[in-house]
Amino acid sequence: MHSDAPIRIIHGDVKSSNILLDDNFTAKVSDFGIS
């Protein structure tokens, strides 16, 4: 998001509750409400 996205995105609210986990415990960054 900082370097390779079409436009640089700052998440702004990086925290453990915004890191979702799928059935294989793969991390998924979520909640871009204040990005």
ModelCIF file with pLDDT and N, C-alpha, C, O atoms, coordinates in Angstrom:
data_MODEL
#
_entry.id   MODEL 
#
_entity.id                         1 
_entity.type                       polymer 
_entity.pdbx_number_of_molecules   1 
#
_entity_poly.entity_id                      1 
_entity_poly.type                           'polypeptide(L)' 
_entity_poly.nstd_linkage                   no 
_entity_poly.nstd_monomer                   no 
_entity_poly.pdbx_seq_one_letter_code       MHSDAPIRIIHGDVKSSNILLDDNFTAKVSDFGIS 
_entity_poly.pdbx_seq_one_letter_code_can   MHSDAPIRIIHGDVKSSNILLDDNFTAKVSDFGIS 
_entity_poly.pdbx_strand_id                 A 
#
loop_
_entity_poly_seq.entity_id 
_entity_poly_seq.num 
_entity_poly_seq.mon_id 
_entity_poly_seq.hetero 
1 1  MET n 
1 2  HIS n 
1 3  SER n 
1 4  ASP n 
1 5  ALA n 
1 6  PRO n 
1 7  ILE n 
1 8  ARG n 
1 9  ILE n 
1 10 ILE n 
1 11 HIS n 
1 12 GLY n 
1 13 ASP n 
1 14 VAL n 
1 15 LYS n 
1 16 SER n 
1 17 SER n 
1 18 ASN n 
1 19 ILE n 
1 20 LEU n 
1 21 LEU n 
1 22 ASP n 
1 23 ASP n 
1 24 ASN n 
1 25 PHE n 
1 26 THR n 
1 27 ALA n 
1 28 LYS n 
1 29 VAL n 
1 30 SER n 
1 31 ASP n 
1 32 PHE n 
1 33 GLY n 
1 34 ILE n 
1 35 SER n 
#
_struct_asym.id          A 
_struct_asym.entity_id   1 
#
loop_
_ma_qa_metric.id 
_ma_qa_metric.mode 
_ma_qa_metric.name 
_ma_qa_metric.software_group_id 
_ma_qa_metric.type 
1 global pLDDT . pLDDT 
2 local  pLDDT . pLDDT 
#
_ma_qa_metric_global.metric_id      1 
_ma_qa_metric_global.metric_value   85.86 
_ma_qa_metric_global.model_id       1 
_ma_qa_metric_global.ordinal_id     1 
#
loop_
_ma_qa_metric_local.label_asym_id 
_ma_qa_metric_local.label_comp_id 
_ma_qa_metric_local.label_seq_id 
_ma_qa_metric_local.metric_id 
_ma_qa_metric_local.metric_value 
_ma_qa_metric_local.model_id 
_ma_qa_metric_local.ordinal_id 
A MET 1  2 88.00 1 1  
A HIS 2  2 88.00 1 2  
A SER 3  2 86.00 1 3  
A ASP 4  2 82.00 1 4  
A ALA 5  2 74.00 1 5  
A PRO 6  2 72.00 1 6  
A ILE 7  2 77.00 1 7  
A ARG 8  2 82.00 1 8  
A ILE 9  2 85.00 1 9  
A ILE 10 2 86.00 1 10 
A HIS 11 2 86.00 1 11 
A GLY 12 2 84.00 1 12 
A ASP 13 2 88.00 1 13 
A VAL 14 2 92.00 1 14 
A LYS 15 2 92.00 1 15 
A SER 16 2 92.00 1 16 
A SER 17 2 90.00 1 17 
A ASN 18 2 90.00 1 18 
A ILE 19 2 93.00 1 19 
A LEU 20 2 93.00 1 20 
A LEU 21 2 93.00 1 21 
A ASP 22 2 91.00 1 22 
A ASP 23 2 89.00 1 23 
A ASN 24 2 91.00 1 24 
A PHE 25 2 93.00 1 25 
A THR 26 2 93.00 1 26 
A ALA 27 2 94.00 1 27 
A LYS 28 2 93.00 1 28 
A VAL 29 2 92.00 1 29 
A SER 30 2 87.00 1 30 
A ASP 31 2 81.00 1 31 
A PHE 32 2 77.00 1 32 
A GLY 33 2 68.00 1 33 
A ILE 34 2 72.00 1 34 
A SER 35 2 71.00 1 35 
#
loop_
_atom_site.group_PDB 
_atom_site.id 
_atom_site.type_symbol 
_atom_site.label_atom_id 
_atom_site.label_alt_id 
_atom_site.label_comp_id 
_atom_site.label_asym_id 
_atom_site.label_entity_id 
_atom_site.label_seq_id 
_atom_site.pdbx_PDB_ins_code 
_atom_site.Cartn_x 
_atom_site.Cartn_y 
_atom_site.Cartn_z 
_atom_site.occupancy 
_atom_site.B_iso_or_equiv 
_atom_site.pdbx_formal_charge 
_atom_site.auth_seq_id 
_atom_site.auth_comp_id 
_atom_site.auth_asym_id 
_atom_site.auth_atom_id 
_atom_site.pdbx_PDB_model_num 
ATOM 1   N N  . MET A 1 1  ? 0.825   -1.211  0.000  1.00 88.00 ? 1  MET A N  1 
ATOM 2   C CA . MET A 1 1  ? 0.000   0.000   0.000  1.00 88.00 ? 1  MET A CA 1 
ATOM 3   C C  . MET A 1 1  ? 0.857   1.258   0.000  1.00 88.00 ? 1  MET A C  1 
ATOM 4   O O  . MET A 1 1  ? 0.492   2.249   -0.632 1.00 88.00 ? 1  MET A O  1 
ATOM 5   N N  . HIS A 1 2  ? 1.992   1.234   0.700  1.00 88.00 ? 2  HIS A N  1 
ATOM 6   C CA . HIS A 1 2  ? 2.863   2.412   0.772  1.00 88.00 ? 2  HIS A CA 1 
ATOM 7   C C  . HIS A 1 2  ? 3.644   2.638   -0.509 1.00 88.00 ? 2  HIS A C  1 
ATOM 8   O O  . HIS A 1 2  ? 3.949   3.781   -0.850 1.00 88.00 ? 2  HIS A O  1 
ATOM 9   N N  . SER A 1 3  ? 3.977   1.567   -1.229 1.00 86.00 ? 3  SER A N  1 
ATOM 10  C CA . SER A 1 3  ? 4.935   1.706   -2.328 1.00 86.00 ? 3  SER A CA 1 
ATOM 11  C C  . SER A 1 3  ? 4.423   1.236   -3.677 1.00 86.00 ? 3  SER A C  1 
ATOM 12  O O  . SER A 1 3  ? 4.788   1.830   -4.691 1.00 86.00 ? 3  SER A O  1 
ATOM 13  N N  . ASP A 1 4  ? 3.594   0.198   -3.743 1.00 82.00 ? 4  ASP A N  1 
ATOM 14  C CA . ASP A 1 4  ? 3.282   -0.433  -5.022 1.00 82.00 ? 4  ASP A CA 1 
ATOM 15  C C  . ASP A 1 4  ? 1.853   -0.229  -5.482 1.00 82.00 ? 4  ASP A C  1 
ATOM 16  O O  . ASP A 1 4  ? 1.522   -0.610  -6.605 1.00 82.00 ? 4  ASP A O  1 
ATOM 17  N N  . ALA A 1 5  ? 0.992   0.355   -4.664 1.00 74.00 ? 5  ALA A N  1 
ATOM 18  C CA . ALA A 1 5  ? -0.386  0.582   -5.070 1.00 74.00 ? 5  ALA A CA 1 
ATOM 19  C C  . ALA A 1 5  ? -0.438  1.685   -6.123 1.00 74.00 ? 5  ALA A C  1 
ATOM 20  O O  . ALA A 1 5  ? 0.495   2.482   -6.227 1.00 74.00 ? 5  ALA A O  1 
ATOM 21  N N  . PRO A 1 6  ? -1.540  1.744   -6.922 1.00 72.00 ? 6  PRO A N  1 
ATOM 22  C CA . PRO A 1 6  ? -1.648  2.800   -7.940 1.00 72.00 ? 6  PRO A CA 1 
ATOM 23  C C  . PRO A 1 6  ? -1.448  4.195   -7.357 1.00 72.00 ? 6  PRO A C  1 
ATOM 24  O O  . PRO A 1 6  ? -0.819  5.039   -7.995 1.00 72.00 ? 6  PRO A O  1 
ATOM 25  N N  . ILE A 1 7  ? -1.953  4.446   -6.195 1.00 77.00 ? 7  ILE A N  1 
ATOM 26  C CA . ILE A 1 7  ? -1.692  5.687   -5.452 1.00 77.00 ? 7  ILE A CA 1 
ATOM 27  C C  . ILE A 1 7  ? -1.321  5.280   -4.041 1.00 77.00 ? 7  ILE A C  1 
ATOM 28  O O  . ILE A 1 7  ? -1.945  4.382   -3.475 1.00 77.00 ? 7  ILE A O  1 
ATOM 29  N N  . ARG A 1 8  ? -0.321  5.917   -3.463 1.00 82.00 ? 8  ARG A N  1 
ATOM 30  C CA . ARG A 1 8  ? 0.157   5.558   -2.132 1.00 82.00 ? 8  ARG A CA 1 
ATOM 31  C C  . ARG A 1 8  ? -0.973  5.729   -1.109 1.00 82.00 ? 8  ARG A C  1 
ATOM 32  O O  . ARG A 1 8  ? -1.653  6.754   -1.072 1.00 82.00 ? 8  ARG A O  1 
ATOM 33  N N  . ILE A 1 9  ? -1.151  4.693   -0.281 1.00 85.00 ? 9  ILE A N  1 
ATOM 34  C CA . ILE A 1 9  ? -2.225  4.688   0.715  1.00 85.00 ? 9  ILE A CA 1 
ATOM 35  C C  . ILE A 1 9  ? -1.613  4.544   2.098  1.00 85.00 ? 9  ILE A C  1 
ATOM 36  O O  . ILE A 1 9  ? -0.785  3.667   2.344  1.00 85.00 ? 9  ILE A O  1 
ATOM 37  N N  . ILE A 1 10 ? -2.040  5.429   2.998  1.00 86.00 ? 10 ILE A N  1 
ATOM 38  C CA . ILE A 1 10 ? -1.671  5.309   4.407  1.00 86.00 ? 10 ILE A CA 1 
ATOM 39  C C  . ILE A 1 10 ? -2.896  4.780   5.145  1.00 86.00 ? 10 ILE A C  1 
ATOM 40  O O  . ILE A 1 10 ? -3.968  5.383   5.104  1.00 86.00 ? 10 ILE A O  1 
ATOM 41  N N  . HIS A 1 11 ? -2.723  3.644   5.819  1.00 86.00 ? 11 HIS A N  1 
ATOM 42  C CA . HIS A 1 11 ? -3.867  3.010   6.477  1.00 86.00 ? 11 HIS A CA 1 
ATOM 43  C C  . HIS A 1 11 ? -4.411  3.876   7.597  1.00 86.00 ? 11 HIS A C  1 
ATOM 44  O O  . HIS A 1 11 ? -5.615  4.130   7.637  1.00 86.00 ? 11 HIS A O  1 
ATOM 45  N N  . GLY A 1 12 ? -3.575  4.334   8.501  1.00 84.00 ? 12 GLY A N  1 
ATOM 46  C CA . GLY A 1 12 ? -3.972  5.260   9.548  1.00 84.00 ? 12 GLY A CA 1 
ATOM 47  C C  . GLY A 1 12 ? -4.509  4.628   10.808 1.00 84.00 ? 12 GLY A C  1 
ATOM 48  O O  . GLY A 1 12 ? -4.633  5.317   11.820 1.00 84.00 ? 12 GLY A O  1 
ATOM 49  N N  . ASP A 1 13 ? -4.836  3.338   10.796 1.00 88.00 ? 13 ASP A N  1 
ATOM 50  C CA . ASP A 1 13 ? -5.378  2.701   11.992 1.00 88.00 ? 13 ASP A CA 1 
ATOM 51  C C  . ASP A 1 13 ? -4.919  1.242   12.049 1.00 88.00 ? 13 ASP A C  1 
ATOM 52  O O  . ASP A 1 13 ? -5.732  0.322   12.138 1.00 88.00 ? 13 ASP A O  1 
ATOM 53  N N  . VAL A 1 14 ? -3.588  1.051   11.994 1.00 92.00 ? 14 VAL A N  1 
ATOM 54  C CA . VAL A 1 14 ? -3.017  -0.297  12.030 1.00 92.00 ? 14 VAL A CA 1 
ATOM 55  C C  . VAL A 1 14 ? -3.093  -0.820  13.465 1.00 92.00 ? 14 VAL A C  1 
ATOM 56  O O  . VAL A 1 14 ? -2.477  -0.258  14.370 1.00 92.00 ? 14 VAL A O  1 
ATOM 57  N N  . LYS A 1 15 ? -3.855  -1.903  13.665 1.00 92.00 ? 15 LYS A N  1 
ATOM 58  C CA . LYS A 1 15 ? -3.991  -2.521  14.980 1.00 92.00 ? 15 LYS A CA 1 
ATOM 59  C C  . LYS A 1 15 ? -4.381  -3.974  14.796 1.00 92.00 ? 15 LYS A C  1 
ATOM 60  O O  . LYS A 1 15 ? -4.801  -4.374  13.710 1.00 92.00 ? 15 LYS A O  1 
ATOM 61  N N  . SER A 1 16 ? -4.245  -4.771  15.854 1.00 92.00 ? 16 SER A N  1 
ATOM 62  C CA . SER A 1 16 ? -4.472  -6.214  15.744 1.00 92.00 ? 16 SER A CA 1 
ATOM 63  C C  . SER A 1 16 ? -5.927  -6.547  15.409 1.00 92.00 ? 16 SER A C  1 
ATOM 64  O O  . SER A 1 16 ? -6.185  -7.569  14.772 1.00 92.00 ? 16 SER A O  1 
ATOM 65  N N  . SER A 1 17 ? -6.877  -5.714  15.821 1.00 90.00 ? 17 SER A N  1 
ATOM 66  C CA . SER A 1 17 ? -8.277  -6.003  15.498 1.00 90.00 ? 17 SER A CA 1 
ATOM 67  C C  . SER A 1 17 ? -8.607  -5.699  14.047 1.00 90.00 ? 17 SER A C  1 
ATOM 68  O O  . SER A 1 17 ? -9.675  -6.082  13.570 1.00 90.00 ? 17 SER A O  1 
ATOM 69  N N  . ASN A 1 18 ? -7.711  -5.015  13.330 1.00 90.00 ? 18 ASN A N  1 
ATOM 70  C CA . ASN A 1 18 ? -7.902  -4.766  11.900 1.00 90.00 ? 18 ASN A CA 1 
ATOM 71  C C  . ASN A 1 18 ? -7.117  -5.756  11.043 1.00 90.00 ? 18 ASN A C  1 
ATOM 72  O O  . ASN A 1 18 ? -7.035  -5.597  9.825  1.00 90.00 ? 18 ASN A O  1 
ATOM 73  N N  . ILE A 1 19 ? -6.542  -6.773  11.676 1.00 93.00 ? 19 ILE A N  1 
ATOM 74  C CA . ILE A 1 19 ? -5.868  -7.853  10.942 1.00 93.00 ? 19 ILE A CA 1 
ATOM 75  C C  . ILE A 1 19 ? -6.783  -9.073  11.042 1.00 93.00 ? 19 ILE A C  1 
ATOM 76  O O  . ILE A 1 19 ? -6.782  -9.775  12.053 1.00 93.00 ? 19 ILE A O  1 
ATOM 77  N N  . LEU A 1 20 ? -7.560  -9.319  9.991  1.00 93.00 ? 20 LEU A N  1 
ATOM 78  C CA . LEU A 1 20 ? -8.469  -10.461 9.986  1.00 93.00 ? 20 LEU A CA 1 
ATOM 79  C C  . LEU A 1 20 ? -7.713  -11.728 9.605  1.00 93.00 ? 20 LEU A C  1 
ATOM 80  O O  . LEU A 1 20 ? -6.686  -11.669 8.929  1.00 93.00 ? 20 LEU A O  1 
ATOM 81  N N  . LEU A 1 21 ? -8.232  -12.881 10.045 1.00 93.00 ? 21 LEU A N  1 
ATOM 82  C CA . LEU A 1 21 ? -7.593  -14.168 9.773  1.00 93.00 ? 21 LEU A CA 1 
ATOM 83  C C  . LEU A 1 21 ? -8.600  -15.089 9.100  1.00 93.00 ? 21 LEU A C  1 
ATOM 84  O O  . LEU A 1 21 ? -9.741  -15.213 9.547  1.00 93.00 ? 21 LEU A O  1 
ATOM 85  N N  . ASP A 1 22 ? -8.162  -15.742 8.006  1.00 91.00 ? 22 ASP A N  1 
ATOM 86  C CA . ASP A 1 22 ? -9.052  -16.706 7.362  1.00 91.00 ? 22 ASP A CA 1 
ATOM 87  C C  . ASP A 1 22 ? -8.903  -18.075 8.032  1.00 91.00 ? 22 ASP A C  1 
ATOM 88  O O  . ASP A 1 22 ? -8.251  -18.190 9.070  1.00 91.00 ? 22 ASP A O  1 
ATOM 89  N N  . ASP A 1 23 ? -9.491  -19.086 7.455  1.00 89.00 ? 23 ASP A N  1 
ATOM 90  C CA . ASP A 1 23 ? -9.478  -20.414 8.078  1.00 89.00 ? 23 ASP A CA 1 
ATOM 91  C C  . ASP A 1 23 ? -8.077  -20.991 8.217  1.00 89.00 ? 23 ASP A C  1 
ATOM 92  O O  . ASP A 1 23 ? -7.847  -21.862 9.056  1.00 89.00 ? 23 ASP A O  1 
ATOM 93  N N  . ASN A 1 24 ? -7.133  -20.511 7.400  1.00 91.00 ? 24 ASN A N  1 
ATOM 94  C CA . ASN A 1 24 ? -5.750  -21.000 7.456  1.00 91.00 ? 24 ASN A CA 1 
ATOM 95  C C  . ASN A 1 24 ? -4.841  -20.042 8.229  1.00 91.00 ? 24 ASN A C  1 
ATOM 96  O O  . ASN A 1 24 ? -3.617  -20.162 8.176  1.00 91.00 ? 24 ASN A O  1 
ATOM 97  N N  . PHE A 1 25 ? -5.450  -19.084 8.954  1.00 93.00 ? 25 PHE A N  1 
ATOM 98  C CA . PHE A 1 25 ? -4.721  -18.064 9.705  1.00 93.00 ? 25 PHE A CA 1 
ATOM 99  C C  . PHE A 1 25 ? -3.854  -17.196 8.778  1.00 93.00 ? 25 PHE A C  1 
ATOM 100 O O  . PHE A 1 25 ? -2.778  -16.743 9.168  1.00 93.00 ? 25 PHE A O  1 
ATOM 101 N N  . THR A 1 26 ? -4.331  -16.975 7.565  1.00 93.00 ? 26 THR A N  1 
ATOM 102 C CA . THR A 1 26 ? -3.672  -16.025 6.662  1.00 93.00 ? 26 THR A CA 1 
ATOM 103 C C  . THR A 1 26 ? -4.156  -14.631 7.005  1.00 93.00 ? 26 THR A C  1 
ATOM 104 O O  . THR A 1 26 ? -5.355  -14.408 7.172  1.00 93.00 ? 26 THR A O  1 
ATOM 105 N N  . ALA A 1 27 ? -3.217  -13.682 7.112  1.00 94.00 ? 27 ALA A N  1 
ATOM 106 C CA . ALA A 1 27 ? -3.562  -12.322 7.522  1.00 94.00 ? 27 ALA A CA 1 
ATOM 107 C C  . ALA A 1 27 ? -4.228  -11.563 6.387  1.00 94.00 ? 27 ALA A C  1 
ATOM 108 O O  . ALA A 1 27 ? -3.841  -11.693 5.225  1.00 94.00 ? 27 ALA A O  1 
ATOM 109 N N  . LYS A 1 28 ? -5.251  -10.755 6.741  1.00 93.00 ? 28 LYS A N  1 
ATOM 110 C CA . LYS A 1 28 ? -5.959  -9.905  5.789  1.00 93.00 ? 28 LYS A CA 1 
ATOM 111 C C  . LYS A 1 28 ? -6.122  -8.524  6.434  1.00 93.00 ? 28 LYS A C  1 
ATOM 112 O O  . LYS A 1 28 ? -6.883  -8.368  7.389  1.00 93.00 ? 28 LYS A O  1 
ATOM 113 N N  . VAL A 1 29 ? -5.399  -7.520  5.904  1.00 92.00 ? 29 VAL A N  1 
ATOM 114 C CA . VAL A 1 29 ? -5.494  -6.155  6.441  1.00 92.00 ? 29 VAL A CA 1 
ATOM 115 C C  . VAL A 1 29 ? -6.845  -5.579  6.034  1.00 92.00 ? 29 VAL A C  1 
ATOM 116 O O  . VAL A 1 29 ? -7.240  -5.659  4.870  1.00 92.00 ? 29 VAL A O  1 
ATOM 117 N N  . SER A 1 30 ? -7.557  -4.991  7.013  1.00 87.00 ? 30 SER A N  1 
ATOM 118 C CA . SER A 1 30 ? -8.915  -4.502  6.745  1.00 87.00 ? 30 SER A CA 1 
ATOM 119 C C  . SER A 1 30 ? -9.117  -3.123  7.350  1.00 87.00 ? 30 SER A C  1 
ATOM 120 O O  . SER A 1 30 ? -8.219  -2.558  7.974  1.00 87.00 ? 30 SER A O  1 
ATOM 121 N N  . ASP A 1 31 ? -10.328 -2.593  7.147  1.00 81.00 ? 31 ASP A N  1 
ATOM 122 C CA . ASP A 1 31 ? -10.822 -1.340  7.737  1.00 81.00 ? 31 ASP A CA 1 
ATOM 123 C C  . ASP A 1 31 ? -9.991  -0.137  7.286  1.00 81.00 ? 31 ASP A C  1 
ATOM 124 O O  . ASP A 1 31 ? -9.061  0.296   7.967  1.00 81.00 ? 31 ASP A O  1 
ATOM 125 N N  . PHE A 1 32 ? -10.356 0.380   6.128  1.00 77.00 ? 32 PHE A N  1 
ATOM 126 C CA . PHE A 1 32 ? -9.679  1.558   5.573  1.00 77.00 ? 32 PHE A CA 1 
ATOM 127 C C  . PHE A 1 32 ? -10.532 2.804   5.739  1.00 77.00 ? 32 PHE A C  1 
ATOM 128 O O  . PHE A 1 32 ? -10.492 3.720   4.918  1.00 77.00 ? 32 PHE A O  1 
ATOM 129 N N  . GLY A 1 33 ? -11.317 2.818   6.837  1.00 68.00 ? 33 GLY A N  1 
ATOM 130 C CA . GLY A 1 33 ? -12.244 3.919   7.046  1.00 68.00 ? 33 GLY A CA 1 
ATOM 131 C C  . GLY A 1 33 ? -11.577 5.275   7.162  1.00 68.00 ? 33 GLY A C  1 
ATOM 132 O O  . GLY A 1 33 ? -12.133 6.276   6.710  1.00 68.00 ? 33 GLY A O  1 
ATOM 133 N N  . ILE A 1 34 ? -10.389 5.327   7.762  1.00 72.00 ? 34 ILE A N  1 
ATOM 134 C CA . ILE A 1 34 ? -9.724  6.637   7.905  1.00 72.00 ? 34 ILE A CA 1 
ATOM 135 C C  . ILE A 1 34 ? -8.436  6.684   7.086  1.00 72.00 ? 34 ILE A C  1 
ATOM 136 O O  . ILE A 1 34 ? -7.574  7.534   7.313  1.00 72.00 ? 34 ILE A O  1 
ATOM 137 N N  . SER A 1 35 ? -8.316  5.764   6.134  1.00 71.00 ? 35 SER A N  1 
ATOM 138 C CA . SER A 1 35 ? -7.117  5.755   5.287  1.00 71.00 ? 35 SER A CA 1 
ATOM 139 C C  . SER A 1 35 ? -7.063  7.021   4.438  1.00 71.00 ? 35 SER A C  1 
ATOM 140 O O  . SER A 1 35 ? -6.128  7.201   3.657  1.00 71.00 ? 35 SER A O  1 
#
